[in-house]
Amino acid sequence: MNSNVHALEGITPLRTEVGRPDRADVEAAFRTIIRWAGDDPEREGLIETPARMARSFEEFFVGYAQTQSNSCKKLSRKSKVMTK
């Protein structure tokens, strides 16, 4: 095993229940990141940022909720359109 794997062996996860964090958890995480970066997540101009980031990550990771067959079907349809 590489050193990164060994470094994580003794760490206990913060979330012990099985399941996906909800949107409120994700937005809270982004507020934490904003505070970590030295800014105030409640200041004007940043208030909606956690919600925007949560939406962008949902879009970015949408593939995790898709099956391989659905992705192949979409790709096949796009290929047929491009060849016509």
N, C-alpha and C. Protein backbone atom coordinates (compact mmCIF):
# COMPACT_ATOMS: atom_id res chain seq x y z
N MET A 1 0.84 -1.18 0.00
CA MET A 1 0.00 0.00 0.00
C MET A 1 0.88 1.25 0.00
N ASN A 2 0.36 2.30 -0.63
CA ASN A 2 1.14 3.52 -0.62
C ASN A 2 0.94 4.29 0.68
N SER A 3 1.74 5.32 0.88
CA SER A 3 1.72 6.06 2.15
C SER A 3 0.39 6.77 2.40
N ASN A 4 -0.32 7.17 1.33
CA ASN A 4 -1.62 7.84 1.53
C ASN A 4 -2.64 6.92 2.16
N VAL A 5 -2.63 5.67 1.76
CA VAL A 5 -3.57 4.70 2.33
C VAL A 5 -3.24 4.46 3.79
N HIS A 6 -1.96 4.30 4.12
CA HIS A 6 -1.57 4.08 5.51
C HIS A 6 -1.91 5.28 6.38
N ALA A 7 -1.82 6.48 5.86
CA ALA A 7 -2.12 7.68 6.64
C ALA A 7 -3.58 7.74 7.04
N LEU A 8 -4.47 7.11 6.28
CA LEU A 8 -5.90 7.17 6.56
C LEU A 8 -6.41 6.00 7.40
N GLU A 9 -5.56 5.04 7.70
CA GLU A 9 -6.01 3.83 8.39
C GLU A 9 -6.61 4.08 9.77
N GLY A 10 -6.07 5.02 10.54
CA GLY A 10 -6.56 5.23 11.90
C GLY A 10 -7.63 6.28 12.03
N ILE A 11 -8.12 6.83 10.93
CA ILE A 11 -9.10 7.92 10.98
C ILE A 11 -10.50 7.36 11.05
N THR A 12 -11.30 7.88 11.98
CA THR A 12 -12.70 7.51 12.09
C THR A 12 -13.53 8.53 11.32
N PRO A 13 -14.41 8.09 10.43
CA PRO A 13 -15.22 9.03 9.67
C PRO A 13 -16.15 9.83 10.58
N LEU A 14 -16.42 11.09 10.20
CA LEU A 14 -17.31 11.93 10.98
C LEU A 14 -18.75 11.46 10.89
N ARG A 15 -19.17 11.03 9.71
CA ARG A 15 -20.54 10.53 9.53
C ARG A 15 -20.51 9.02 9.69
N THR A 16 -21.21 8.52 10.68
CA THR A 16 -21.20 7.08 10.91
C THR A 16 -22.39 6.39 10.26
N GLU A 17 -23.47 7.13 9.99
CA GLU A 17 -24.62 6.49 9.36
C GLU A 17 -24.35 6.31 7.88
N VAL A 18 -24.97 5.31 7.32
CA VAL A 18 -24.81 5.03 5.90
C VAL A 18 -25.81 5.89 5.14
N GLY A 19 -25.37 6.49 4.09
CA GLY A 19 -26.29 7.29 3.29
C GLY A 19 -25.63 8.53 2.75
N ARG A 20 -26.38 9.18 1.95
CA ARG A 20 -25.90 10.36 1.26
C ARG A 20 -26.23 11.61 2.06
N PRO A 21 -25.26 12.53 2.21
CA PRO A 21 -25.57 13.79 2.89
C PRO A 21 -26.64 14.55 2.12
N ASP A 22 -27.49 15.27 2.82
CA ASP A 22 -28.50 16.05 2.11
C ASP A 22 -27.94 17.42 1.73
N ARG A 23 -28.74 18.20 1.01
CA ARG A 23 -28.29 19.50 0.51
C ARG A 23 -27.86 20.41 1.65
N ALA A 24 -28.55 20.38 2.78
CA ALA A 24 -28.17 21.23 3.91
C ALA A 24 -26.76 20.90 4.40
N ASP A 25 -26.41 19.62 4.42
CA ASP A 25 -25.05 19.21 4.81
C ASP A 25 -24.01 19.76 3.84
N VAL A 26 -24.31 19.67 2.56
CA VAL A 26 -23.37 20.14 1.53
C VAL A 26 -23.20 21.65 1.62
N GLU A 27 -24.30 22.37 1.76
CA GLU A 27 -24.21 23.83 1.88
C GLU A 27 -23.44 24.24 3.13
N ALA A 28 -23.64 23.52 4.23
CA ALA A 28 -22.89 23.81 5.46
C ALA A 28 -21.39 23.57 5.24
N ALA A 29 -21.06 22.54 4.47
CA ALA A 29 -19.65 22.28 4.18
C ALA A 29 -19.04 23.43 3.38
N PHE A 30 -19.78 23.96 2.42
CA PHE A 30 -19.26 25.08 1.65
C PHE A 30 -19.13 26.35 2.50
N ARG A 31 -20.05 26.54 3.44
CA ARG A 31 -19.90 27.69 4.37
C ARG A 31 -18.63 27.52 5.20
N THR A 32 -18.35 26.30 5.61
CA THR A 32 -17.12 26.03 6.36
C THR A 32 -15.89 26.34 5.51
N ILE A 33 -15.91 25.95 4.25
CA ILE A 33 -14.78 26.22 3.36
C ILE A 33 -14.58 27.73 3.19
N ILE A 34 -15.67 28.46 3.07
CA ILE A 34 -15.57 29.92 2.94
C ILE A 34 -14.94 30.52 4.20
N ARG A 35 -15.39 30.05 5.38
CA ARG A 35 -14.78 30.54 6.63
C ARG A 35 -13.31 30.15 6.70
N TRP A 36 -12.98 28.93 6.29
CA TRP A 36 -11.59 28.46 6.29
C TRP A 36 -10.72 29.34 5.40
N ALA A 37 -11.29 29.83 4.30
CA ALA A 37 -10.55 30.69 3.38
C ALA A 37 -10.40 32.12 3.92
N GLY A 38 -11.05 32.39 5.06
CA GLY A 38 -10.89 33.69 5.70
C GLY A 38 -11.97 34.70 5.39
N ASP A 39 -13.10 34.25 4.87
CA ASP A 39 -14.18 35.18 4.55
C ASP A 39 -15.41 34.85 5.36
N ASP A 40 -16.39 35.71 5.30
CA ASP A 40 -17.64 35.55 6.04
C ASP A 40 -18.71 35.04 5.08
N PRO A 41 -19.19 33.82 5.26
CA PRO A 41 -20.20 33.29 4.34
C PRO A 41 -21.54 34.02 4.43
N GLU A 42 -21.72 34.84 5.45
CA GLU A 42 -22.97 35.59 5.61
C GLU A 42 -22.90 36.99 5.02
N ARG A 43 -21.76 37.38 4.48
CA ARG A 43 -21.67 38.73 3.92
C ARG A 43 -22.37 38.78 2.57
N GLU A 44 -22.82 40.00 2.22
CA GLU A 44 -23.50 40.19 0.95
C GLU A 44 -22.56 39.76 -0.19
N GLY A 45 -23.10 39.05 -1.12
CA GLY A 45 -22.29 38.54 -2.23
C GLY A 45 -21.87 37.10 -2.03
N LEU A 46 -21.89 36.63 -0.80
CA LEU A 46 -21.54 35.22 -0.54
C LEU A 46 -22.70 34.41 0.03
N ILE A 47 -23.78 35.08 0.37
CA ILE A 47 -24.88 34.38 1.04
C ILE A 47 -25.41 33.22 0.20
N GLU A 48 -25.55 33.41 -1.09
CA GLU A 48 -26.09 32.35 -1.95
C GLU A 48 -25.02 31.41 -2.50
N THR A 49 -23.75 31.68 -2.22
CA THR A 49 -22.67 30.86 -2.78
C THR A 49 -22.75 29.39 -2.37
N PRO A 50 -23.01 29.04 -1.12
CA PRO A 50 -23.10 27.61 -0.79
C PRO A 50 -24.18 26.88 -1.60
N ALA A 51 -25.32 27.52 -1.82
CA ALA A 51 -26.38 26.89 -2.62
C ALA A 51 -25.94 26.76 -4.07
N ARG A 52 -25.28 27.80 -4.62
CA ARG A 52 -24.79 27.71 -6.00
C ARG A 52 -23.76 26.60 -6.15
N MET A 53 -22.86 26.49 -5.18
CA MET A 53 -21.83 25.45 -5.25
C MET A 53 -22.46 24.05 -5.15
N ALA A 54 -23.45 23.90 -4.28
CA ALA A 54 -24.13 22.60 -4.16
C ALA A 54 -24.78 22.22 -5.48
N ARG A 55 -25.45 23.19 -6.13
CA ARG A 55 -26.06 22.90 -7.43
C ARG A 55 -25.00 22.54 -8.48
N SER A 56 -23.89 23.26 -8.47
CA SER A 56 -22.86 22.98 -9.47
C SER A 56 -22.24 21.60 -9.24
N PHE A 57 -22.07 21.20 -7.99
CA PHE A 57 -21.53 19.87 -7.72
C PHE A 57 -22.54 18.79 -8.10
N GLU A 58 -23.83 19.05 -7.90
CA GLU A 58 -24.84 18.08 -8.35
C GLU A 58 -24.72 17.85 -9.85
N GLU A 59 -24.55 18.93 -10.59
CA GLU A 59 -24.40 18.81 -12.04
C GLU A 59 -23.09 18.11 -12.40
N PHE A 60 -22.03 18.47 -11.72
CA PHE A 60 -20.71 17.90 -12.00
C PHE A 60 -20.70 16.39 -11.76
N PHE A 61 -21.37 15.94 -10.71
CA PHE A 61 -21.34 14.53 -10.33
C PHE A 61 -22.59 13.76 -10.76
N VAL A 62 -23.36 14.30 -11.70
CA VAL A 62 -24.60 13.65 -12.12
C VAL A 62 -24.34 12.24 -12.66
N GLY A 63 -23.18 11.99 -13.19
CA GLY A 63 -22.86 10.68 -13.74
C GLY A 63 -22.87 9.56 -12.71
N TYR A 64 -22.65 9.90 -11.44
CA TYR A 64 -22.66 8.87 -10.41
C TYR A 64 -24.04 8.24 -10.24
N ALA A 65 -25.08 8.96 -10.64
CA ALA A 65 -26.44 8.43 -10.49
C ALA A 65 -26.92 7.74 -11.76
N GLN A 66 -26.10 7.72 -12.79
CA GLN A 66 -26.49 7.11 -14.06
C GLN A 66 -25.88 5.71 -14.19
N THR A 67 -26.62 4.87 -14.89
CA THR A 67 -26.09 3.54 -15.16
C THR A 67 -25.29 3.57 -16.45
N GLN A 68 -24.45 2.59 -16.62
CA GLN A 68 -23.62 2.52 -17.82
C GLN A 68 -24.47 2.37 -19.07
N SER A 69 -25.54 1.58 -18.99
CA SER A 69 -26.38 1.37 -20.18
C SER A 69 -27.07 2.66 -20.60
N ASN A 70 -27.52 3.47 -19.63
CA ASN A 70 -28.14 4.75 -19.97
C ASN A 70 -27.14 5.67 -20.66
N SER A 71 -25.93 5.71 -20.15
CA SER A 71 -24.90 6.55 -20.74
C SER A 71 -24.57 6.10 -22.16
N CYS A 72 -24.50 4.79 -22.37
CA CYS A 72 -24.20 4.26 -23.71
C CYS A 72 -25.33 4.58 -24.68
N LYS A 73 -26.58 4.50 -24.23
CA LYS A 73 -27.71 4.82 -25.09
C LYS A 73 -27.66 6.28 -25.52
N LYS A 74 -27.36 7.18 -24.58
CA LYS A 74 -27.26 8.60 -24.91
C LYS A 74 -26.13 8.84 -25.90
N LEU A 75 -25.01 8.19 -25.68
CA LEU A 75 -23.87 8.35 -26.57
C LEU A 75 -24.20 7.82 -27.96
N SER A 76 -24.91 6.71 -28.03
CA SER A 76 -25.29 6.12 -29.30
C SER A 76 -26.22 7.05 -30.07
N ARG A 77 -27.18 7.67 -29.37
CA ARG A 77 -28.08 8.61 -30.04
C ARG A 77 -27.32 9.81 -30.56
N LYS A 78 -26.36 10.33 -29.78
CA LYS A 78 -25.58 11.47 -30.22
C LYS A 78 -24.74 11.11 -31.44
N SER A 79 -24.19 9.90 -31.46
CA SER A 79 -23.37 9.46 -32.59
C SER A 79 -24.21 9.40 -33.86
N LYS A 80 -25.43 8.89 -33.76
CA LYS A 80 -26.30 8.79 -34.93
C LYS A 80 -26.65 10.17 -35.47
N VAL A 81 -26.88 11.12 -34.59
CA VAL A 81 -27.20 12.48 -35.01
C VAL A 81 -26.00 13.11 -35.69
N MET A 82 -24.81 12.87 -35.18
CA MET A 82 -23.61 13.47 -35.73
C MET A 82 -23.26 12.90 -37.11
N THR A 83 -23.62 11.65 -37.37
CA THR A 83 -23.27 11.02 -38.65
C THR A 83 -24.26 11.32 -39.75
N LYS A 84 -25.40 11.87 -39.42
CA LYS A 84 -26.43 12.17 -40.45
C LYS A 84 -26.09 13.43 -41.18
